[in-house]
Amino acid sequence: QVQLVESGGGLVQPGGSLRLSCAAARFTFSNYGMSWFRQAPGKEREWVATITTTGSSTNYADAVKGRFTISRDNAKNMLYLQMNSLKPEDTAVYYCNCAAYWGQGTQVTVSS
């Protein structure tokens, strides 16, 4: 069964940075595009970013474009999300996604 495990969340001040990681297992990671989603309290889950199988192409939601960077290491079966210039509105549970599969999420809180 596909396994996706996120880590790296936490509490950070506005303007700060965090790097999220997603460890993938039990499938051929390099064959799949990967995405990050997030869900803020009281809101629907929303797409954040997507990366292609080789990492040659990425796409971002307008809300995070220029601040977040999605990347992957196929040799390590790892997906990353570098988040810079964080804002309070980035507060959410962040999820790693592959097709129909989801991780358990990692909480990111941006607050002073």
Protein backbone atom coordinates (compact mmCIF):
# COMPACT_ATOMS: atom_id res chain seq x y z
CA GLN A 1 0.00 0.00 0.00
CA VAL A 2 1.23 3.48 -0.91
CA GLN A 3 2.80 5.31 2.00
CA LEU A 4 3.29 9.08 2.22
CA VAL A 5 4.64 10.59 5.43
CA GLU A 6 4.99 14.35 5.83
CA SER A 7 7.28 16.12 8.28
CA GLY A 8 8.80 19.51 8.91
CA GLY A 9 5.80 21.52 10.01
CA GLY A 10 5.78 23.80 13.02
CA LEU A 11 5.28 27.29 14.35
CA VAL A 12 7.05 30.11 12.54
CA GLN A 13 6.84 33.88 12.64
CA PRO A 14 5.57 35.85 9.66
CA GLY A 15 8.35 36.27 7.14
CA GLY A 16 10.02 33.07 8.24
CA SER A 17 10.76 29.86 6.38
CA LEU A 18 10.03 26.17 6.69
CA ARG A 19 10.91 23.15 4.62
CA LEU A 20 8.38 20.34 4.45
CA SER A 21 9.36 16.82 3.51
CA CYS A 22 7.32 13.86 2.30
CA ALA A 23 8.79 10.37 2.45
CA ALA A 24 7.25 8.07 -0.14
CA ALA A 25 7.26 4.28 0.00
CA ARG A 26 5.70 1.16 -1.52
CA PHE A 27 5.38 2.49 -5.04
CA THR A 28 7.68 3.57 -7.86
CA PHE A 29 8.05 7.19 -6.81
CA SER A 30 9.89 8.30 -9.94
CA ASN A 31 6.94 7.29 -12.15
CA TYR A 32 4.49 9.76 -10.63
CA GLY A 33 3.93 13.47 -10.56
CA MET A 34 3.58 14.70 -6.99
CA SER A 35 1.69 17.53 -5.38
CA TRP A 36 1.28 19.47 -2.17
CA PHE A 37 -2.13 20.55 -0.92
CA ARG A 38 -3.17 22.42 2.21
CA GLN A 39 -6.27 22.82 4.32
CA ALA A 40 -6.84 25.76 6.61
CA PRO A 41 -9.32 25.61 9.51
CA GLY A 42 -12.88 25.87 8.22
CA LYS A 43 -11.81 25.82 4.59
CA GLU A 44 -11.66 23.24 1.83
CA ARG A 45 -8.42 21.56 0.90
CA GLU A 46 -6.62 23.52 -1.81
CA TRP A 47 -3.88 22.73 -4.27
CA VAL A 48 -0.50 24.35 -3.60
CA ALA A 49 2.04 22.97 -6.08
CA THR A 50 2.80 20.11 -8.47
CA ILE A 51 6.02 18.67 -9.83
CA THR A 52 6.50 16.30 -12.76
CA THR A 53 8.20 12.93 -12.54
CA THR A 54 11.68 14.21 -13.27
CA GLY A 55 11.22 17.58 -11.62
CA SER A 56 11.66 19.36 -14.93
CA SER A 57 8.36 21.20 -14.60
CA THR A 58 6.56 22.73 -11.65
CA ASN A 59 3.35 24.66 -11.14
CA TYR A 60 2.14 26.77 -8.25
CA ALA A 61 -1.04 28.28 -6.96
CA ASP A 62 -1.07 32.04 -7.34
CA ALA A 63 -1.16 32.46 -3.55
CA VAL A 64 2.27 30.86 -3.12
CA LYS A 65 3.99 31.62 -6.42
CA GLY A 66 7.40 33.21 -5.89
CA ARG A 67 7.51 32.18 -2.22
CA PHE A 68 7.25 28.37 -2.28
CA THR A 69 9.41 25.89 -4.17
CA ILE A 70 8.48 22.26 -4.77
CA SER A 71 11.26 19.78 -5.46
CA ARG A 72 11.97 16.07 -5.36
CA ASP A 73 14.79 13.60 -4.97
CA ASN A 74 13.91 10.43 -6.84
CA ALA A 75 16.96 8.60 -5.52
CA LYS A 76 15.67 9.09 -1.99
CA ASN A 77 11.94 8.86 -2.73
CA MET A 78 11.47 12.29 -1.18
CA LEU A 79 9.27 15.26 -2.00
CA TYR A 80 9.94 18.72 -0.56
CA LEU A 81 8.25 22.07 -0.20
CA GLN A 82 10.47 25.03 0.65
CA MET A 83 8.30 27.81 2.04
CA ASN A 84 9.73 31.32 2.35
CA SER A 85 8.23 34.67 3.30
CA LEU A 86 5.50 32.89 5.19
CA LYS A 87 2.27 34.73 5.95
CA PRO A 88 -0.42 34.06 8.57
CA GLU A 89 -2.73 33.00 5.75
CA ASP A 90 -0.35 30.13 4.99
CA THR A 91 -1.42 28.51 8.26
CA ALA A 92 -2.85 25.11 7.39
CA VAL A 93 -2.29 21.38 7.46
CA TYR A 94 -0.10 20.54 4.49
CA TYR A 95 -0.57 17.25 2.65
CA CYS A 96 1.57 15.31 0.24
CA ASN A 97 -0.39 13.80 -2.65
CA CYS A 98 0.16 11.19 -5.32
CA ALA A 99 -2.85 10.35 -7.48
CA ALA A 100 -5.55 9.10 -5.06
CA TYR A 101 -3.18 8.80 -2.12
CA TRP A 102 -2.60 11.24 0.73
CA GLY A 103 -0.29 11.56 3.66
CA GLN A 104 -1.48 12.29 7.17
CA GLY A 105 -0.52 15.94 6.94
CA THR A 106 1.79 18.24 8.86
CA GLN A 107 0.65 21.40 10.65
CA VAL A 108 2.14 24.75 9.68
CA THR A 109 1.28 27.72 11.87
CA VAL A 110 2.45 31.21 10.97
CA SER A 111 1.99 33.56 13.88
CA SER A 112 3.83 36.15 15.91
